[in-house]
């Protein structure tokens, strides 16, 4: 397993500066934030190739693009078609970046509130996107995320079976699964198997004091709960069982840090690679 930096962590900086810091901090790969000033579906071929060359010069693999395309389940057909058109434009961006994986959203609501038609609509449009992506030799991954149809490994398998495409998988995210109150350790890895295309790493804890920094509310099965982002290994999300399970399963991909703790961005990114390396070495 190798470390990567999700450039959302450095979202206030240009993509060029973000790549330089990623290299200097010792990460092996980069997951590019799918919003400007990093990249979008409208990124020109020339700029995408420039980013690719810079990453190569820095010895960084471009692991994925974290787009905001999709969220089909609650959108109108007209809105879904617009998302599909953006997906098609993104395939050229990925090709010019030299990346083969893109995040795509299924939409909400929370899995425990969703109806069959939410899954059916999401599956229909995700099949269309998957078929187009396959023609371009690209893969798509839904992030396991609180407040979406895929809050757990079980939810993810349900939707993946409905989509039924080899080039669609998930981004395992223990922090998000902690929020939703779902297993994010060995059981989730065993269930998802080779459908884990990528992994996000961030620490979160449940709190009672809304005045703590980096705090936020989220709707869960338990109601409107309060959480906050912390540095890795300082919150409530124990990543050690996950890392052990990924090793046992033979996962060879990347682990992207996505720390939202209330500290300067470079300080956060530096801490996270140190803590990830400790977990990988233990």
Protein backbone atom coordinates (compact mmCIF):
# COMPACT_ATOMS: atom_id res chain seq x y z
CA UNK A 1 0.00 0.00 0.00
CA UNK A 2 1.20 3.48 -0.81
CA UNK A 3 0.43 6.95 0.56
CA UNK A 4 -1.30 9.68 -1.43
CA UNK A 5 -2.46 13.20 -0.67
CA UNK A 6 -5.98 14.24 -1.64
CA UNK A 7 -5.39 17.83 -2.76
CA UNK A 8 -8.61 18.99 -1.11
CA UNK A 9 -6.28 19.31 1.91
CA UNK A 10 -4.44 22.03 -0.05
CA UNK A 11 -7.51 23.50 -1.73
CA UNK A 12 -6.41 27.11 -1.10
CA UNK A 13 -3.28 26.55 -3.15
CA UNK A 14 -2.74 26.16 -6.89
CA UNK A 15 -2.42 22.65 -8.26
CA UNK A 16 1.24 23.37 -9.03
CA UNK A 17 1.93 24.35 -5.42
CA UNK A 18 -0.12 21.40 -4.14
CA UNK A 19 1.93 18.94 -6.19
CA UNK A 20 5.21 20.43 -4.97
CA UNK A 21 4.17 20.14 -1.33
CA UNK A 22 2.92 16.60 -1.90
CA UNK A 23 6.36 15.63 -3.22
CA UNK A 24 8.23 17.48 -0.48
CA UNK A 25 6.20 15.80 2.26
CA UNK A 26 7.07 12.34 0.95
CA UNK A 27 3.77 11.14 -0.49
CA UNK A 28 3.96 8.71 -3.40
CA UNK A 29 0.76 9.68 -5.16
CA UNK A 30 -1.81 12.41 -5.50
CA UNK A 31 -5.59 12.35 -5.69
CA UNK A 32 -6.63 15.55 -7.42
CA UNK A 33 -9.53 17.60 -6.09
CA UNK A 34 -12.14 17.93 -8.83
CA UNK A 35 -12.73 21.66 -8.41
CA UNK A 36 -10.77 24.68 -9.53
CA UNK A 37 -8.07 25.79 -8.98
CA UNK A 38 -7.09 22.12 -9.33
CA UNK A 39 -9.07 20.41 -12.12
CA UNK A 40 -12.62 20.19 -13.47
CA UNK A 41 -14.40 18.69 -16.46
CA UNK A 42 -13.52 21.90 -18.33
CA UNK A 43 -9.77 21.63 -17.76
CA UNK A 44 -8.10 22.07 -21.13
CA UNK A 45 -5.96 19.31 -22.68
CA UNK A 46 -2.92 21.57 -22.51
CA UNK A 47 -3.34 22.25 -18.78
CA UNK A 48 -4.05 18.59 -17.96
CA UNK A 49 -0.91 17.52 -19.81
CA UNK A 50 1.08 20.18 -17.96
CA UNK A 51 -0.19 18.81 -14.61
CA UNK A 52 0.67 15.28 -15.71
CA UNK A 53 4.21 16.29 -16.66
CA UNK A 54 4.72 18.13 -13.39
CA UNK A 55 3.53 15.11 -11.39
CA UNK A 56 5.91 12.87 -13.38
CA UNK A 57 8.79 15.28 -12.74
CA UNK A 58 8.02 15.08 -9.01
CA UNK A 59 7.77 11.28 -9.10
CA UNK A 60 4.09 11.32 -8.16
CA UNK A 61 1.43 8.97 -9.48
CA UNK A 62 -1.90 10.65 -10.28
CA UNK A 63 -4.08 8.14 -8.48
CA UNK A 64 -7.54 9.55 -9.11
CA UNK A 65 -9.63 12.63 -9.76
CA UNK A 66 -12.20 13.32 -7.03
CA UNK A 67 -14.95 14.75 -9.19
CA UNK A 68 -18.35 15.94 -8.02
CA UNK A 69 -20.15 14.43 -10.99
CA UNK A 70 -23.24 12.37 -10.36
CA UNK A 71 -25.54 12.41 -7.31
CA UNK A 72 -28.18 11.05 -9.64
CA UNK A 73 -30.69 9.57 -7.19
CA UNK A 74 -32.56 12.77 -6.37
CA UNK A 75 -32.00 14.80 -9.55
CA UNK A 76 -34.34 15.34 -12.47
CA UNK A 77 -33.66 13.53 -15.74
CA UNK A 78 -32.50 16.82 -17.25
CA UNK A 79 -30.06 17.34 -14.39
CA UNK A 80 -28.84 13.76 -14.65
CA UNK A 81 -28.20 14.19 -18.35
CA UNK A 82 -26.08 17.26 -17.60
CA UNK A 83 -24.05 15.20 -15.12
CA UNK A 84 -23.61 12.49 -17.74
CA UNK A 85 -22.31 15.05 -20.24
CA UNK A 86 -19.81 16.29 -17.65
CA UNK A 87 -18.71 12.69 -17.11
CA UNK A 88 -18.00 12.36 -20.81
CA UNK A 89 -15.86 15.51 -20.76
CA UNK A 90 -13.98 14.21 -17.74
CA UNK A 91 -12.83 11.13 -19.64
CA UNK A 92 -10.63 13.30 -21.84
CA UNK A 93 -9.28 15.10 -18.78
CA UNK A 94 -8.37 11.77 -17.16
CA UNK A 95 -6.68 10.59 -20.34
CA UNK A 96 -4.55 13.74 -20.53
CA UNK A 97 -3.69 13.46 -16.85
CA UNK A 98 -2.69 9.82 -17.25
CA UNK A 99 -5.20 8.74 -14.59
CA UNK A 100 -7.60 5.81 -14.84
CA UNK A 101 -9.91 6.35 -11.84
CA UNK A 102 -12.55 8.99 -11.10
CA UNK A 103 -14.87 9.46 -8.15
CA UNK A 104 -18.56 9.64 -9.02
CA UNK A 105 -21.52 10.25 -6.73
CA UNK A 106 -24.64 8.13 -6.42
CA UNK A 107 -26.61 10.68 -4.37
CA UNK A 108 -28.76 10.47 -1.25
CA UNK A 109 -30.64 10.37 0.96
CA UNK A 110 -29.15 8.42 3.89
CA UNK A 111 -29.30 4.72 3.14
CA UNK A 112 -31.69 4.06 6.02
CA UNK A 113 -34.11 6.63 4.57
CA UNK A 114 -33.75 5.71 0.90
CA UNK A 115 -36.46 4.03 -1.17
CA UNK A 116 -36.01 1.46 -3.92
CA UNK A 117 -36.50 4.11 -6.59
CA UNK A 118 -33.48 6.05 -5.31
CA UNK A 119 -31.27 3.01 -5.88
CA UNK A 120 -32.91 2.22 -9.20
CA UNK A 121 -32.41 5.72 -10.58
CA UNK A 122 -28.81 5.89 -9.37
CA UNK A 123 -28.06 2.47 -10.86
CA UNK A 124 -29.55 3.39 -14.25
CA UNK A 125 -27.38 6.50 -14.66
CA UNK A 126 -24.29 4.92 -13.16
CA UNK A 127 -24.58 2.10 -15.70
CA UNK A 128 -24.61 4.68 -18.50
CA UNK A 129 -21.57 6.41 -17.03
CA UNK A 130 -19.76 3.11 -16.51
CA UNK A 131 -20.33 2.03 -20.11
CA UNK A 132 -18.95 5.30 -21.46
CA UNK A 133 -16.00 5.18 -19.06
CA UNK A 134 -15.25 1.59 -20.10
CA UNK A 135 -14.93 2.70 -23.72
CA UNK A 136 -12.24 5.12 -22.55
CA UNK A 137 -10.55 2.45 -20.41
CA UNK A 138 -11.44 4.24 -17.16
CA UNK A 139 -12.84 3.14 -13.81
CA UNK A 140 -15.39 4.85 -11.55
CA UNK A 141 -15.60 4.73 -7.76
CA UNK A 142 -18.38 5.77 -5.41
CA UNK A 143 -17.13 7.09 -2.08
CA UNK A 144 -18.73 5.34 0.88
CA UNK A 145 -20.16 8.45 2.46
CA UNK A 146 -22.57 9.47 5.17
CA UNK A 147 -25.89 10.90 3.90
CA UNK A 148 -25.75 8.89 0.66
CA UNK A 149 -27.13 5.59 -0.60
CA UNK A 150 -23.80 3.93 0.22
CA UNK A 151 -23.10 4.52 3.90
CA UNK A 152 -21.84 0.99 4.58
CA UNK A 153 -20.21 -1.96 2.85
CA UNK A 154 -23.61 -3.64 2.69
CA UNK A 155 -25.22 -0.60 1.04
CA UNK A 156 -22.36 -0.47 -1.43
CA UNK A 157 -22.68 -4.12 -2.44
CA UNK A 158 -26.42 -3.64 -2.93
CA UNK A 159 -25.90 -0.78 -5.38
CA UNK A 160 -22.86 -2.33 -7.05
CA UNK A 161 -24.88 -5.48 -7.77
CA UNK A 162 -27.60 -3.36 -9.36
CA UNK A 163 -25.05 -1.49 -11.51
CA UNK A 164 -23.30 -4.74 -12.44
CA UNK A 165 -20.26 -3.25 -14.15
CA UNK A 166 -16.68 -4.43 -13.64
CA UNK A 167 -15.27 -0.90 -13.86
CA UNK A 168 -17.36 0.45 -10.95
CA UNK A 169 -16.18 0.11 -7.37
CA UNK A 170 -15.94 2.10 -4.17
CA UNK A 171 -13.65 4.38 -2.21
CA UNK A 172 -13.46 2.94 1.29
CA UNK A 173 -13.71 5.77 3.85
CA UNK A 174 -13.50 4.74 7.50
CA UNK A 175 -14.18 8.27 8.72
CA UNK A 176 -17.46 8.48 6.84
CA UNK A 177 -18.44 5.00 7.98
CA UNK A 178 -17.67 5.97 11.59
CA UNK A 179 -20.11 8.88 11.23
CA UNK A 180 -22.81 6.53 9.95
CA UNK A 181 -22.14 4.02 12.72
CA UNK A 182 -21.14 1.24 10.35
CA UNK A 183 -18.29 -1.28 10.43
CA UNK A 184 -15.16 0.00 8.69
CA UNK A 185 -12.72 -2.75 9.66
CA UNK A 186 -12.07 -6.31 8.58
CA UNK A 187 -15.71 -7.18 7.94
CA UNK A 188 -16.13 -4.30 5.49
CA UNK A 189 -12.93 -5.19 3.63
CA UNK A 190 -13.92 -8.84 3.36
CA UNK A 191 -17.37 -7.96 2.06
CA UNK A 192 -16.18 -5.41 -0.51
CA UNK A 193 -13.21 -7.45 -1.73
CA UNK A 194 -11.77 -6.29 -5.04
CA UNK A 195 -14.44 -3.61 -5.33
CA UNK A 196 -12.25 -1.41 -3.13
CA UNK A 197 -10.68 0.73 -5.83
CA UNK A 198 -9.26 3.39 -3.50
CA UNK A 199 -9.09 4.30 0.22
CA UNK A 200 -9.59 7.60 2.04
CA UNK A 201 -8.01 8.13 5.45
CA UNK A 202 -9.27 10.71 7.96
CA UNK A 203 -10.02 10.70 11.67
CA UNK A 204 -13.30 11.91 13.19
CA UNK A 205 -14.81 11.78 16.65
CA UNK A 206 -18.26 12.25 18.18
CA UNK A 207 -18.38 15.23 20.51
CA UNK A 208 -20.82 17.16 22.70
CA UNK A 209 -19.31 20.67 22.49
CA UNK A 210 -20.24 22.51 19.30
CA UNK A 211 -17.65 25.18 20.06
CA UNK A 212 -14.73 22.85 19.45
CA UNK A 213 -12.80 23.65 16.25
CA UNK A 214 -13.54 21.71 13.03
CA UNK A 215 -16.91 20.57 14.39
CA UNK A 216 -19.98 19.81 12.27
CA UNK A 217 -23.43 18.27 12.54
CA UNK A 218 -24.57 15.31 10.48
CA UNK A 219 -27.83 13.44 10.23
CA UNK A 220 -27.46 9.77 11.18
CA UNK A 221 -29.64 6.87 12.30
CA UNK A 222 -29.34 8.37 15.79
CA UNK A 223 -30.56 11.83 14.79
CA UNK A 224 -28.57 15.03 14.27
CA UNK A 225 -25.18 14.19 15.79
CA UNK A 226 -22.17 16.42 16.41
CA UNK A 227 -18.68 15.48 15.18
CA UNK A 228 -15.30 17.04 14.62
CA UNK A 229 -12.30 16.38 12.42
CA UNK A 230 -9.08 15.44 14.21
CA UNK A 231 -5.56 14.47 13.29
CA UNK A 232 -5.09 10.80 12.44
CA UNK A 233 -4.93 8.55 15.53
CA UNK A 234 -6.30 11.31 17.77
CA UNK A 235 -10.04 10.85 17.17
CA UNK A 236 -12.58 8.07 17.35
CA UNK A 237 -11.83 6.31 14.07
CA UNK A 238 -9.42 3.45 14.67
CA UNK A 239 -7.68 2.76 11.36
CA UNK A 240 -5.38 -0.02 12.59
CA UNK A 241 -7.91 -2.86 12.02
CA UNK A 242 -8.64 -1.45 8.55
CA UNK A 243 -4.97 -1.27 7.57
CA UNK A 244 -4.40 -4.80 8.86
CA UNK A 245 -7.40 -6.08 6.90
CA UNK A 246 -6.28 -4.33 3.71
CA UNK A 247 -2.81 -5.88 4.06
CA UNK A 248 -4.33 -9.31 4.60
CA UNK A 249 -6.59 -8.86 1.57
CA UNK A 250 -3.61 -7.97 -0.60
CA UNK A 251 -4.73 -4.41 -1.36
CA UNK A 252 -1.96 -2.82 -3.43
CA UNK A 253 -3.51 0.59 -4.03
CA UNK A 254 -3.21 4.00 -2.45
CA UNK A 255 -4.35 5.48 0.85
CA UNK A 256 -5.31 9.15 0.45
CA UNK A 257 -5.19 11.45 3.43
CA UNK A 258 -8.19 13.77 3.75
CA UNK A 259 -7.58 15.48 7.09
CA UNK A 260 -9.93 18.31 8.08
CA UNK A 261 -8.47 19.12 11.51
CA UNK A 262 -8.26 22.78 12.54
CA UNK A 263 -4.57 23.26 11.75
CA UNK A 264 -2.63 24.86 8.86
CA UNK A 265 -2.82 22.72 5.73
CA UNK A 266 0.87 21.79 5.47
CA UNK A 267 1.00 20.89 9.15
CA UNK A 268 -2.02 18.61 8.69
CA UNK A 269 -0.56 16.93 5.61
CA UNK A 270 2.80 16.40 7.33
CA UNK A 271 1.20 14.83 10.39
CA UNK A 272 -1.00 12.50 8.35
CA UNK A 273 1.79 10.90 6.34
CA UNK A 274 3.78 10.35 9.52
CA UNK A 275 0.82 8.67 11.21
CA UNK A 276 -0.08 6.62 8.13
CA UNK A 277 3.49 5.35 7.91
CA UNK A 278 3.36 4.34 11.59
CA UNK A 279 0.21 2.33 10.91
CA UNK A 280 1.72 0.74 7.80
CA UNK A 281 4.86 -0.25 9.68
CA UNK A 282 3.11 -1.61 12.79
